[in-house]
Amino acid sequence: MKADQTLDCIGLYCPMPIVKTAQKIKDLKTGDVLEILSDDIGIKLDMPAWCDSTGHEYLGTEEAGTEIKVYVKKTHE
């Protein structure tokens, strides 16, 4: 999936990937896609829940070995 920006959260564990995503998404334009790189399996449940609570769009997850890529589309300011 093509992303406008990437946020590296490798080595960070709950709740830091969500905290970093919340900070980073403020820098994006509405409609931009943020790719979050993580090795914390909790992100697979945490990110969709965060998107539900904030109104941003969860686009999916890709996994390759221990690396997890999560995609979020900014839907509002």
N, C-alpha and C. Protein backbone atom coordinates (compact mmCIF):
# COMPACT_ATOMS: atom_id res chain seq x y z
N MET A 1 0.84 -1.18 0.00
CA MET A 1 0.00 0.00 0.00
C MET A 1 0.89 1.24 0.00
N LYS A 2 0.47 2.25 -0.73
CA LYS A 2 1.25 3.48 -0.82
C LYS A 2 0.88 4.41 0.32
N ALA A 3 1.89 4.92 0.98
CA ALA A 3 1.68 5.85 2.09
C ALA A 3 2.32 7.19 1.78
N ASP A 4 1.75 8.25 2.31
CA ASP A 4 2.32 9.59 2.14
C ASP A 4 3.48 9.83 3.10
N GLN A 5 3.40 9.22 4.29
CA GLN A 5 4.48 9.33 5.28
C GLN A 5 4.57 8.03 6.06
N THR A 6 5.76 7.79 6.63
CA THR A 6 6.00 6.59 7.43
C THR A 6 6.45 6.99 8.82
N LEU A 7 5.92 6.27 9.81
CA LEU A 7 6.28 6.48 11.21
C LEU A 7 6.91 5.19 11.73
N ASP A 8 8.18 5.25 12.12
CA ASP A 8 8.90 4.08 12.61
C ASP A 8 8.71 3.92 14.11
N CYS A 9 7.98 2.88 14.50
CA CYS A 9 7.75 2.59 15.92
C CYS A 9 8.37 1.26 16.31
N ILE A 10 9.35 0.79 15.53
CA ILE A 10 10.03 -0.46 15.85
C ILE A 10 10.70 -0.31 17.22
N GLY A 11 10.49 -1.29 18.09
CA GLY A 11 11.09 -1.25 19.42
C GLY A 11 10.25 -0.53 20.46
N LEU A 12 9.15 0.08 20.04
CA LEU A 12 8.26 0.76 20.97
C LEU A 12 7.06 -0.12 21.27
N TYR A 13 6.62 -0.11 22.49
CA TYR A 13 5.51 -0.97 22.89
C TYR A 13 4.39 -0.15 23.49
N CYS A 14 3.22 -0.75 23.54
CA CYS A 14 2.00 -0.11 24.00
C CYS A 14 2.27 0.73 25.26
N PRO A 15 1.83 1.96 25.26
CA PRO A 15 0.96 2.63 24.29
C PRO A 15 1.70 3.53 23.30
N MET A 16 3.03 3.45 23.25
CA MET A 16 3.81 4.41 22.47
C MET A 16 3.48 4.46 20.98
N PRO A 17 3.25 3.34 20.27
CA PRO A 17 2.89 3.48 18.85
C PRO A 17 1.62 4.31 18.64
N ILE A 18 0.64 4.18 19.54
CA ILE A 18 -0.58 4.96 19.43
C ILE A 18 -0.29 6.43 19.76
N VAL A 19 0.48 6.67 20.79
CA VAL A 19 0.84 8.05 21.17
C VAL A 19 1.58 8.73 20.02
N LYS A 20 2.56 8.05 19.45
CA LYS A 20 3.34 8.62 18.33
C LYS A 20 2.45 8.86 17.11
N THR A 21 1.53 7.92 16.84
CA THR A 21 0.61 8.07 15.71
C THR A 21 -0.27 9.30 15.91
N ALA A 22 -0.80 9.46 17.11
CA ALA A 22 -1.66 10.61 17.40
C ALA A 22 -0.91 11.92 17.19
N GLN A 23 0.37 11.96 17.55
CA GLN A 23 1.17 13.17 17.34
C GLN A 23 1.45 13.39 15.86
N LYS A 24 1.84 12.33 15.17
CA LYS A 24 2.24 12.43 13.76
C LYS A 24 1.08 12.78 12.85
N ILE A 25 -0.10 12.23 13.13
CA ILE A 25 -1.23 12.45 12.22
C ILE A 25 -1.63 13.92 12.18
N LYS A 26 -1.30 14.67 13.22
CA LYS A 26 -1.59 16.11 13.24
C LYS A 26 -0.81 16.84 12.15
N ASP A 27 0.34 16.30 11.74
CA ASP A 27 1.20 16.94 10.73
C ASP A 27 0.75 16.64 9.30
N LEU A 28 -0.16 15.68 9.14
CA LEU A 28 -0.60 15.27 7.81
C LEU A 28 -1.79 16.11 7.35
N LYS A 29 -2.01 16.10 6.02
CA LYS A 29 -3.18 16.75 5.45
C LYS A 29 -4.32 15.74 5.43
N THR A 30 -5.55 16.23 5.49
CA THR A 30 -6.70 15.35 5.38
C THR A 30 -6.61 14.56 4.07
N GLY A 31 -6.79 13.25 4.15
CA GLY A 31 -6.68 12.38 2.98
C GLY A 31 -5.35 11.67 2.87
N ASP A 32 -4.34 12.14 3.60
CA ASP A 32 -3.03 11.49 3.58
C ASP A 32 -3.08 10.15 4.30
N VAL A 33 -2.21 9.24 3.86
CA VAL A 33 -2.11 7.91 4.47
C VAL A 33 -0.78 7.82 5.23
N LEU A 34 -0.88 7.38 6.49
CA LEU A 34 0.29 7.19 7.34
C LEU A 34 0.56 5.70 7.49
N GLU A 35 1.79 5.31 7.21
CA GLU A 35 2.23 3.93 7.42
C GLU A 35 2.98 3.88 8.75
N ILE A 36 2.53 2.99 9.65
CA ILE A 36 3.18 2.85 10.94
C ILE A 36 3.90 1.51 10.96
N LEU A 37 5.22 1.54 11.20
CA LEU A 37 6.02 0.32 11.30
C LEU A 37 6.15 -0.05 12.77
N SER A 38 5.87 -1.31 13.10
CA SER A 38 5.91 -1.74 14.49
C SER A 38 6.32 -3.20 14.57
N ASP A 39 6.82 -3.59 15.75
CA ASP A 39 7.07 -5.00 16.02
C ASP A 39 6.30 -5.43 17.27
N ASP A 40 5.33 -4.59 17.67
CA ASP A 40 4.47 -4.89 18.82
C ASP A 40 3.16 -5.45 18.30
N ILE A 41 2.89 -6.74 18.56
CA ILE A 41 1.68 -7.36 18.01
C ILE A 41 0.40 -6.71 18.52
N GLY A 42 0.47 -6.01 19.64
CA GLY A 42 -0.69 -5.31 20.17
C GLY A 42 -1.24 -4.25 19.24
N ILE A 43 -0.40 -3.77 18.32
CA ILE A 43 -0.84 -2.72 17.40
C ILE A 43 -1.96 -3.21 16.48
N LYS A 44 -2.03 -4.52 16.26
CA LYS A 44 -3.05 -5.08 15.37
C LYS A 44 -4.45 -4.88 15.94
N LEU A 45 -4.58 -4.81 17.25
CA LEU A 45 -5.88 -4.52 17.88
C LEU A 45 -5.99 -3.06 18.29
N ASP A 46 -4.88 -2.50 18.74
CA ASP A 46 -4.89 -1.13 19.25
C ASP A 46 -5.18 -0.09 18.17
N MET A 47 -4.60 -0.25 16.98
CA MET A 47 -4.76 0.78 15.94
C MET A 47 -6.19 0.84 15.40
N PRO A 48 -6.83 -0.30 15.09
CA PRO A 48 -8.24 -0.19 14.67
C PRO A 48 -9.12 0.44 15.76
N ALA A 49 -8.86 0.12 17.02
CA ALA A 49 -9.64 0.70 18.12
C ALA A 49 -9.39 2.20 18.21
N TRP A 50 -8.14 2.62 18.03
CA TRP A 50 -7.82 4.05 18.06
C TRP A 50 -8.52 4.77 16.92
N CYS A 51 -8.51 4.16 15.74
CA CYS A 51 -9.19 4.77 14.59
C CYS A 51 -10.69 4.91 14.85
N ASP A 52 -11.29 3.87 15.44
CA ASP A 52 -12.72 3.95 15.77
C ASP A 52 -13.00 5.10 16.72
N SER A 53 -12.12 5.31 17.68
CA SER A 53 -12.36 6.34 18.69
C SER A 53 -12.04 7.76 18.20
N THR A 54 -11.18 7.87 17.18
CA THR A 54 -10.79 9.21 16.70
C THR A 54 -11.45 9.59 15.38
N GLY A 55 -12.02 8.62 14.68
CA GLY A 55 -12.67 8.91 13.40
C GLY A 55 -11.76 8.83 12.20
N HIS A 56 -10.49 8.49 12.38
CA HIS A 56 -9.61 8.29 11.23
C HIS A 56 -9.85 6.89 10.66
N GLU A 57 -9.47 6.67 9.41
CA GLU A 57 -9.81 5.42 8.73
C GLU A 57 -8.67 4.41 8.81
N TYR A 58 -8.97 3.26 9.38
CA TYR A 58 -8.02 2.15 9.44
C TYR A 58 -8.08 1.45 8.08
N LEU A 59 -6.94 1.38 7.40
CA LEU A 59 -6.90 0.83 6.04
C LEU A 59 -6.41 -0.62 5.98
N GLY A 60 -5.79 -1.09 7.05
CA GLY A 60 -5.35 -2.47 7.05
C GLY A 60 -3.95 -2.65 7.60
N THR A 61 -3.56 -3.92 7.64
CA THR A 61 -2.29 -4.33 8.22
C THR A 61 -1.59 -5.28 7.26
N GLU A 62 -0.28 -5.13 7.15
CA GLU A 62 0.57 -6.07 6.40
C GLU A 62 1.64 -6.57 7.35
N GLU A 63 1.94 -7.86 7.28
CA GLU A 63 2.97 -8.44 8.14
C GLU A 63 4.04 -9.13 7.30
N ALA A 64 5.29 -8.94 7.71
CA ALA A 64 6.43 -9.62 7.07
C ALA A 64 7.40 -9.98 8.19
N GLY A 65 7.42 -11.24 8.57
CA GLY A 65 8.26 -11.65 9.68
C GLY A 65 7.75 -11.01 10.96
N THR A 66 8.64 -10.32 11.67
CA THR A 66 8.23 -9.66 12.91
C THR A 66 7.78 -8.22 12.69
N GLU A 67 7.91 -7.73 11.46
CA GLU A 67 7.53 -6.35 11.17
C GLU A 67 6.06 -6.27 10.79
N ILE A 68 5.37 -5.35 11.41
CA ILE A 68 3.96 -5.11 11.15
C ILE A 68 3.83 -3.70 10.59
N LYS A 69 3.13 -3.59 9.46
CA LYS A 69 2.85 -2.28 8.87
C LYS A 69 1.35 -2.03 8.96
N VAL A 70 0.99 -0.91 9.56
CA VAL A 70 -0.41 -0.54 9.71
C VAL A 70 -0.63 0.76 8.96
N TYR A 71 -1.77 0.85 8.27
CA TYR A 71 -2.07 2.02 7.45
C TYR A 71 -3.30 2.74 7.97
N VAL A 72 -3.16 4.06 8.15
CA VAL A 72 -4.24 4.91 8.66
C VAL A 72 -4.39 6.11 7.74
N LYS A 73 -5.62 6.39 7.35
CA LYS A 73 -5.91 7.56 6.52
C LYS A 73 -6.48 8.66 7.41
N LYS A 74 -5.90 9.84 7.30
CA LYS A 74 -6.39 10.99 8.08
C LYS A 74 -7.69 11.47 7.41
N THR A 75 -8.77 11.50 8.17
CA THR A 75 -10.06 11.86 7.61
C THR A 75 -10.55 13.24 8.00
N HIS A 76 -9.88 13.87 8.98
CA HIS A 76 -10.32 15.19 9.45
C HIS A 76 -9.17 15.87 10.19
N GLU A 77 -9.35 17.17 10.42
CA GLU A 77 -8.33 17.93 11.17
C GLU A 77 -8.42 17.68 12.63
